[in-house]
Amino acid sequence: MHDLVIFDCDGVLVDSEVLSNQVMIDNLAQYGLHLTLAECMSLFVGGTMTGVRDKARDLGADLPDDWTDQIYSEIYERLRAGTPLVEGIPELLTQLDAATIPYCVASNGRPEKMQITLGQNGLWERFSTVMFSAHVLGSGKPDPTLFLTAAQQFGAKSPVVIEDSENGVTAAIRANMRCLAYAAHDDGARLATLGAEVFTDMSHVPGLLGL
């Protein structure tokens, strides 16, 4: 039995990836880089915004020095307008509570972003004291530090990670942790290749965890 569940935030707890990527598409088009939603998500999901900036520049976008502040502002505005939970998350958390299995969130995103998305869905109280952010620790996925730090703080011997991105799966595998990969937008083949167990509905997770 696992003694800790480590959730990614965007795309796992909250259904924010499409919203955020549409904002990036509209923004990057102003700087000469035109992408489809599928292209944008393939390129950028699971990365840091600094990494997005550098990759976009490599692809020809003429981005200003203050671009990361600009894009964060635009994304936060869009997320404040309404960010739904991933379907099945409230039920899954209730089942974890009933089984007395602790959980936390580990994200490349900023704490402010998680407060916006989790706060409007009633989850901030559950996660605010068990939140691990790359912006606070100074190390983001695919580096395993986020996950290792979370497990260490909980004293977990058998943690499991729930992710949706290549960077996240890579970090979990590097941390020698079991990784369940939520594939909501494709078949999850790339995530499976990296070593994750792919699933397509949060209702599958209790069975995968043996609850």
C-alpha atoms as a PDB file:
ATOM      1  CA  MET A   1       0.000   0.000   0.000  1.00  0.00           C
ATOM      2  CA  HIS A   2       1.263   3.464  -0.846  1.00  0.00           C
ATOM      3  CA  ASP A   3       1.812   5.856   2.056  1.00  0.00           C
ATOM      4  CA  LEU A   4       1.671   9.132   0.074  1.00  0.00           C
ATOM      5  CA  VAL A   5       0.005  10.331  -3.121  1.00  0.00           C
ATOM      6  CA  ILE A   6       1.791  13.230  -4.824  1.00  0.00           C
ATOM      7  CA  PHE A   7      -0.428  15.101  -7.257  1.00  0.00           C
ATOM      8  CA  ASP A   8       0.682  17.434  -9.999  1.00  0.00           C
ATOM      9  CA  CYS A   9      -1.617  20.464 -10.094  1.00  0.00           C
ATOM     10  CA  ASP A  10      -2.320  21.713 -13.639  1.00  0.00           C
ATOM     11  CA  GLY A  11      -4.044  19.054 -15.696  1.00  0.00           C
ATOM     12  CA  VAL A  12      -4.315  16.631 -12.770  1.00  0.00           C
ATOM     13  CA  LEU A  13      -6.159  18.435  -9.968  1.00  0.00           C
ATOM     14  CA  VAL A  14      -7.485  21.328 -12.047  1.00  0.00           C
ATOM     15  CA  ASP A  15      -8.423  21.337 -15.716  1.00  0.00           C
ATOM     16  CA  SER A  16      -6.284  24.362 -16.512  1.00  0.00           C
ATOM     17  CA  GLU A  17      -3.938  23.224 -19.274  1.00  0.00           C
ATOM     18  CA  VAL A  18      -6.187  23.993 -22.248  1.00  0.00           C
ATOM     19  CA  LEU A  19      -7.126  27.384 -20.789  1.00  0.00           C
ATOM     20  CA  SER A  20      -3.499  28.351 -20.113  1.00  0.00           C
ATOM     21  CA  ASN A  21      -2.261  27.119 -23.483  1.00  0.00           C
ATOM     22  CA  GLN A  22      -4.942  29.038 -25.365  1.00  0.00           C
ATOM     23  CA  VAL A  23      -3.733  32.198 -23.634  1.00  0.00           C
ATOM     24  CA  MET A  24      -0.170  31.365 -24.700  1.00  0.00           C
ATOM     25  CA  ILE A  25      -1.267  30.734 -28.297  1.00  0.00           C
ATOM     26  CA  ASP A  26      -2.953  34.130 -28.496  1.00  0.00           C
ATOM     27  CA  ASN A  27      -0.003  35.851 -26.851  1.00  0.00           C
ATOM     28  CA  LEU A  28       2.742  34.193 -28.903  1.00  0.00           C
ATOM     29  CA  ALA A  29       0.919  34.981 -32.133  1.00  0.00           C
ATOM     30  CA  GLN A  30       1.511  38.657 -31.342  1.00  0.00           C
ATOM     31  CA  TYR A  31       5.236  37.927 -31.387  1.00  0.00           C
ATOM     32  CA  GLY A  32       5.292  36.004 -34.660  1.00  0.00           C
ATOM     33  CA  LEU A  33       4.916  32.421 -33.426  1.00  0.00           C
ATOM     34  CA  HIS A  34       1.718  30.739 -34.599  1.00  0.00           C
ATOM     35  CA  LEU A  35       0.832  27.405 -32.989  1.00  0.00           C
ATOM     36  CA  THR A  36      -2.176  25.117 -32.834  1.00  0.00           C
ATOM     37  CA  LEU A  37      -3.466  23.988 -29.450  1.00  0.00           C
ATOM     38  CA  ALA A  38      -2.033  20.511 -30.005  1.00  0.00           C
ATOM     39  CA  GLU A  39       1.374  21.941 -30.936  1.00  0.00           C
ATOM     40  CA  CYS A  40       1.417  24.309 -27.977  1.00  0.00           C
ATOM     41  CA  MET A  41       0.519  21.593 -25.488  1.00  0.00           C
ATOM     42  CA  SER A  42       3.027  19.172 -26.954  1.00  0.00           C
ATOM     43  CA  LEU A  43       5.784  21.768 -26.704  1.00  0.00           C
ATOM     44  CA  PHE A  44       5.063  23.361 -23.361  1.00  0.00           C
ATOM     45  CA  VAL A  45       2.901  21.299 -20.970  1.00  0.00           C
ATOM     46  CA  GLY A  46       4.796  20.399 -17.822  1.00  0.00           C
ATOM     47  CA  GLY A  47       7.597  22.904 -18.261  1.00  0.00           C
ATOM     48  CA  THR A  48       8.523  26.077 -16.442  1.00  0.00           C
ATOM     49  CA  MET A  49       7.552  29.436 -17.926  1.00  0.00           C
ATOM     50  CA  THR A  50      11.224  30.330 -18.272  1.00  0.00           C
ATOM     51  CA  GLY A  51      11.622  27.180 -20.330  1.00  0.00           C
ATOM     52  CA  VAL A  52       8.580  28.122 -22.416  1.00  0.00           C
ATOM     53  CA  ARG A  53      10.109  31.539 -23.072  1.00  0.00           C
ATOM     54  CA  ASP A  54      13.443  30.104 -24.165  1.00  0.00           C
ATOM     55  CA  LYS A  55      11.863  27.462 -26.397  1.00  0.00           C
ATOM     56  CA  ALA A  56       9.506  30.006 -27.972  1.00  0.00           C
ATOM     57  CA  ARG A  57      12.444  32.270 -28.739  1.00  0.00           C
ATOM     58  CA  ASP A  58      14.265  29.339 -30.340  1.00  0.00           C
ATOM     59  CA  LEU A  59      11.195  28.838 -32.527  1.00  0.00           C
ATOM     60  CA  GLY A  60      11.326  32.465 -33.681  1.00  0.00           C
ATOM     61  CA  ALA A  61       9.172  34.401 -31.222  1.00  0.00           C
ATOM     62  CA  ASP A  62      10.545  37.902 -30.601  1.00  0.00           C
ATOM     63  CA  LEU A  63       9.715  38.015 -26.893  1.00  0.00           C
ATOM     64  CA  PRO A  64      10.421  41.039 -24.671  1.00  0.00           C
ATOM     65  CA  ASP A  65      12.502  40.741 -21.513  1.00  0.00           C
ATOM     66  CA  ASP A  66       9.416  41.025 -19.288  1.00  0.00           C
ATOM     67  CA  TRP A  67       7.491  38.334 -21.176  1.00  0.00           C
ATOM     68  CA  THR A  68       7.201  35.869 -18.276  1.00  0.00           C
ATOM     69  CA  ASP A  69       5.558  38.515 -16.070  1.00  0.00           C
ATOM     70  CA  GLN A  70       3.284  39.436 -18.972  1.00  0.00           C
ATOM     71  CA  ILE A  71       2.154  35.893 -19.690  1.00  0.00           C
ATOM     72  CA  TYR A  72       1.638  35.056 -16.012  1.00  0.00           C
ATOM     73  CA  SER A  73      -0.620  38.092 -15.694  1.00  0.00           C
ATOM     74  CA  GLU A  74      -2.684  37.046 -18.725  1.00  0.00           C
ATOM     75  CA  ILE A  75      -2.954  33.418 -17.615  1.00  0.00           C
ATOM     76  CA  TYR A  76      -3.927  34.328 -14.052  1.00  0.00           C
ATOM     77  CA  GLU A  77      -6.649  36.624 -15.375  1.00  0.00           C
ATOM     78  CA  ARG A  78      -8.058  33.798 -17.493  1.00  0.00           C
ATOM     79  CA  LEU A  79      -7.875  31.233 -14.687  1.00  0.00           C
ATOM     80  CA  ARG A  80      -9.614  33.594 -12.248  1.00  0.00           C
ATOM     81  CA  ALA A  81     -12.538  33.694 -14.671  1.00  0.00           C
ATOM     82  CA  GLY A  82     -13.156  30.018 -13.960  1.00  0.00           C
ATOM     83  CA  THR A  83     -11.009  26.888 -13.733  1.00  0.00           C
ATOM     84  CA  PRO A  84     -12.861  23.602 -13.235  1.00  0.00           C
ATOM     85  CA  LEU A  85     -11.543  20.656 -11.290  1.00  0.00           C
ATOM     86  CA  VAL A  86     -10.547  17.573 -13.226  1.00  0.00           C
ATOM     87  CA  GLU A  87     -13.585  15.302 -13.174  1.00  0.00           C
ATOM     88  CA  GLY A  88     -13.411  12.747 -10.375  1.00  0.00           C
ATOM     89  CA  ILE A  89     -10.895  14.573  -8.175  1.00  0.00           C
ATOM     90  CA  PRO A  90     -13.273  15.363  -5.261  1.00  0.00           C
ATOM     91  CA  GLU A  91     -14.354  11.721  -5.107  1.00  0.00           C
ATOM     92  CA  LEU A  92     -10.747  10.497  -5.268  1.00  0.00           C
ATOM     93  CA  LEU A  93      -9.650  12.785  -2.431  1.00  0.00           C
ATOM     94  CA  THR A  94     -12.595  11.596  -0.324  1.00  0.00           C
ATOM     95  CA  GLN A  95     -11.511   7.985  -0.888  1.00  0.00           C
ATOM     96  CA  LEU A  96      -7.913   8.795   0.068  1.00  0.00           C
ATOM     97  CA  ASP A  97      -9.168  10.497   3.237  1.00  0.00           C
ATOM     98  CA  ALA A  98     -11.267   7.442   4.079  1.00  0.00           C
ATOM     99  CA  ALA A  99      -8.225   5.203   3.608  1.00  0.00           C
ATOM    100  CA  THR A 100      -6.106   7.644   5.688  1.00  0.00           C
ATOM    101  CA  ILE A 101      -3.571   7.962   2.880  1.00  0.00           C
ATOM    102  CA  PRO A 102      -1.942  11.424   2.960  1.00  0.00           C
ATOM    103  CA  TYR A 103      -1.553  13.470  -0.205  1.00  0.00           C
ATOM    104  CA  CYS A 104       0.128  16.643  -1.387  1.00  0.00           C
ATOM    105  CA  VAL A 105       0.695  18.693  -4.529  1.00  0.00           C
ATOM    106  CA  ALA A 106       4.044  19.186  -6.292  1.00  0.00           C
ATOM    107  CA  SER A 107       4.070  21.581  -9.221  1.00  0.00           C
ATOM    108  CA  ASN A 108       6.341  23.602 -11.472  1.00  0.00           C
ATOM    109  CA  GLY A 109       3.753  26.358 -11.097  1.00  0.00           C
ATOM    110  CA  ARG A 110       3.895  29.279  -8.725  1.00  0.00           C
ATOM    111  CA  PRO A 111       2.051  29.118  -5.376  1.00  0.00           C
ATOM    112  CA  GLU A 112      -0.023  32.139  -6.486  1.00  0.00           C
ATOM    113  CA  LYS A 113      -1.293  30.190  -9.475  1.00  0.00           C
ATOM    114  CA  MET A 114      -2.262  27.221  -7.319  1.00  0.00           C
ATOM    115  CA  GLN A 115      -4.061  29.528  -4.923  1.00  0.00           C
ATOM    116  CA  ILE A 116      -6.109  30.898  -7.836  1.00  0.00           C
ATOM    117  CA  THR A 117      -7.040  27.506  -9.273  1.00  0.00           C
ATOM    118  CA  LEU A 118      -7.395  25.441  -6.099  1.00  0.00           C
ATOM    119  CA  GLY A 119      -8.922  28.320  -4.147  1.00  0.00           C
ATOM    120  CA  GLN A 120     -11.958  28.683  -6.379  1.00  0.00           C
ATOM    121  CA  ASN A 121     -12.641  24.945  -6.136  1.00  0.00           C
ATOM    122  CA  GLY A 122     -12.510  24.480  -2.378  1.00  0.00           C
ATOM    123  CA  LEU A 123      -9.197  22.609  -2.423  1.00  0.00           C
ATOM    124  CA  TRP A 124      -6.898  25.348  -1.142  1.00  0.00           C
ATOM    125  CA  GLU A 125      -7.607  24.389   2.474  1.00  0.00           C
ATOM    126  CA  ARG A 126      -6.651  20.792   1.712  1.00  0.00           C
ATOM    127  CA  PHE A 127      -3.388  21.587  -0.054  1.00  0.00           C
ATOM    128  CA  SER A 128      -2.098  24.950   1.214  1.00  0.00           C
ATOM    129  CA  THR A 129       0.096  23.370   3.913  1.00  0.00           C
ATOM    130  CA  VAL A 130       1.226  20.433   1.742  1.00  0.00           C
ATOM    131  CA  MET A 131       2.305  22.313  -1.350  1.00  0.00           C
ATOM    132  CA  PHE A 132       5.664  21.947  -3.070  1.00  0.00           C
ATOM    133  CA  SER A 133       6.447  24.497  -5.781  1.00  0.00           C
ATOM    134  CA  ALA A 134       9.463  24.616  -8.074  1.00  0.00           C
ATOM    135  CA  HIS A 135       9.475  28.402  -7.619  1.00  0.00           C
ATOM    136  CA  VAL A 136       9.957  27.971  -3.862  1.00  0.00           C
ATOM    137  CA  LEU A 137      12.414  25.073  -3.957  1.00  0.00           C
ATOM    138  CA  GLY A 138      14.359  26.479  -6.906  1.00  0.00           C
ATOM    139  CA  SER A 139      14.275  23.187  -8.767  1.00  0.00           C
ATOM    140  CA  GLY A 140      11.619  22.082 -11.241  1.00  0.00           C
ATOM    141  CA  LYS A 141      10.647  18.900 -13.055  1.00  0.00           C
ATOM    142  CA  PRO A 142      12.154  16.901 -14.764  1.00  0.00           C
ATOM    143  CA  ASP A 143      14.571  17.189 -11.832  1.00  0.00           C
ATOM    144  CA  PRO A 144      13.247  14.812  -9.126  1.00  0.00           C
ATOM    145  CA  THR A 145      13.918  17.204  -6.206  1.00  0.00           C
ATOM    146  CA  LEU A 146      10.261  18.272  -5.848  1.00  0.00           C
ATOM    147  CA  PHE A 147       9.061  14.709  -5.397  1.00  0.00           C
ATOM    148  CA  LEU A 148      11.973  13.640  -3.207  1.00  0.00           C
ATOM    149  CA  THR A 149      11.434  16.654  -0.941  1.00  0.00           C
ATOM    150  CA  ALA A 150       7.728  15.888  -0.605  1.00  0.00           C
ATOM    151  CA  ALA A 151       8.375  12.240   0.269  1.00  0.00           C
ATOM    152  CA  GLN A 152      11.054  13.191   2.777  1.00  0.00           C
ATOM    153  CA  GLN A 153       8.796  15.672   4.571  1.00  0.00           C
ATOM    154  CA  PHE A 154       6.054  13.057   4.885  1.00  0.00           C
ATOM    155  CA  GLY A 155       8.480  10.289   5.799  1.00  0.00           C
ATOM    156  CA  ALA A 156       6.981   8.268   2.949  1.00  0.00           C
ATOM    157  CA  LYS A 157       8.589   4.966   2.013  1.00  0.00           C
ATOM    158  CA  SER A 158       6.238   4.076  -0.861  1.00  0.00           C
ATOM    159  CA  PRO A 159       4.939   7.241  -2.544  1.00  0.00           C
ATOM    160  CA  VAL A 160       3.056   7.296  -5.830  1.00  0.00           C
ATOM    161  CA  VAL A 161       2.987  10.236  -8.238  1.00  0.00           C
ATOM    162  CA  ILE A 162       0.029  11.249 -10.421  1.00  0.00           C
ATOM    163  CA  GLU A 163       1.201  13.259 -13.426  1.00  0.00           C
ATOM    164  CA  ASP A 164       0.164  14.302 -16.927  1.00  0.00           C
ATOM    165  CA  SER A 165       3.377  15.583 -18.529  1.00  0.00           C
ATOM    166  CA  GLU A 166       6.636  14.169 -19.816  1.00  0.00           C
ATOM    167  CA  ASN A 167       8.657  16.329 -17.430  1.00  0.00           C
ATOM    168  CA  GLY A 168       6.564  15.145 -14.500  1.00  0.00           C
ATOM    169  CA  VAL A 169       6.778  11.467 -15.413  1.00  0.00           C
ATOM    170  CA  THR A 170      10.527  11.795 -15.957  1.00  0.00           C
ATOM    171  CA  ALA A 171      10.930  13.386 -12.527  1.00  0.00           C
ATOM    172  CA  ALA A 172       8.952  10.595 -10.881  1.00  0.00           C
ATOM    173  CA  ILE A 173      10.943   7.856 -12.592  1.00  0.00           C
ATOM    174  CA  ARG A 174      14.205   9.588 -11.657  1.00  0.00           C
ATOM    175  CA  ALA A 175      12.965   9.654  -8.055  1.00  0.00           C
ATOM    176  CA  ASN A 176      12.342   5.881  -8.288  1.00  0.00           C
ATOM    177  CA  MET A 177       8.641   6.403  -7.630  1.00  0.00           C
ATOM    178  CA  ARG A 178       5.663   4.661  -9.177  1.00  0.00           C
ATOM    179  CA  CYS A 179       3.972   7.057 -11.598  1.00  0.00           C
ATOM    180  CA  LEU A 180       0.360   7.024 -12.770  1.00  0.00           C
ATOM    181  CA  ALA A 181      -0.081   9.205 -15.865  1.00  0.00           C
ATOM    182  CA  TYR A 182      -3.428  10.837 -16.575  1.00  0.00           C
ATOM    183  CA  ALA A 183      -3.926  11.052 -20.338  1.00  0.00           C
ATOM    184  CA  ALA A 184      -6.876  13.347 -20.976  1.00  0.00           C
ATOM    185  CA  HIS A 185      -5.916  14.749 -24.380  1.00  0.00           C
ATOM    186  CA  ASP A 186      -4.202  11.859 -26.197  1.00  0.00           C
ATOM    187  CA  ASP A 187      -3.492   8.156 -25.825  1.00  0.00           C
ATOM    188  CA  GLY A 188      -0.657   8.684 -23.337  1.00  0.00           C
ATOM    189  CA  ALA A 189       1.783   6.649 -25.431  1.00  0.00           C
ATOM    190  CA  ARG A 190       4.696   9.048 -24.826  1.00  0.00           C
ATOM    191  CA  LEU A 191       4.111   8.907 -21.082  1.00  0.00           C
ATOM    192  CA  ALA A 192       3.933   5.112 -21.120  1.00  0.00           C
ATOM    193  CA  THR A 193       7.222   4.977 -23.008  1.00  0.00           C
ATOM    194  CA  LEU A 194       8.838   6.959 -20.188  1.00  0.00           C
ATOM    195  CA  GLY A 195       7.731   4.381 -17.645  1.00  0.00           C
ATOM    196  CA  ALA A 196       4.343   5.566 -16.409  1.00  0.00           C
ATOM    197  CA  GLU A 197       1.140   3.560 -16.002  1.00  0.00           C
ATOM    198  CA  VAL A 198      -1.393   5.402 -18.164  1.00  0.00           C
ATOM    199  CA  PHE A 199      -5.036   5.863 -17.183  1.00  0.00           C
ATOM    200  CA  THR A 200      -7.806   7.988 -18.677  1.00  0.00           C
ATOM    201  CA  ASP A 201     -10.292   8.576 -15.848  1.00  0.00           C
ATOM    202  CA  MET A 202      -9.743   9.530 -12.201  1.00  0.00           C
ATOM    203  CA  SER A 203     -12.244   6.843 -11.200  1.00  0.00           C
ATOM    204  CA  HIS A 204      -9.575   4.286 -12.206  1.00  0.00           C
ATOM    205  CA  VAL A 205      -7.091   5.486  -9.582  1.00  0.00           C
ATOM    206  CA  PRO A 206      -8.525   3.786  -6.473  1.00  0.00           C
ATOM    207  CA  GLY A 207      -8.272   0.434  -8.241  1.00  0.00           C
ATOM    208  CA  LEU A 208      -4.714   1.182  -9.345  1.00  0.00           C
ATOM    209  CA  LEU A 209      -3.847   2.036  -5.732  1.00  0.00           C
ATOM    210  CA  GLY A 210      -5.538  -1.074  -4.378  1.00  0.00           C
ATOM    211  CA  LEU A 211      -8.150   0.829  -2.376  1.00  0.00           C
END
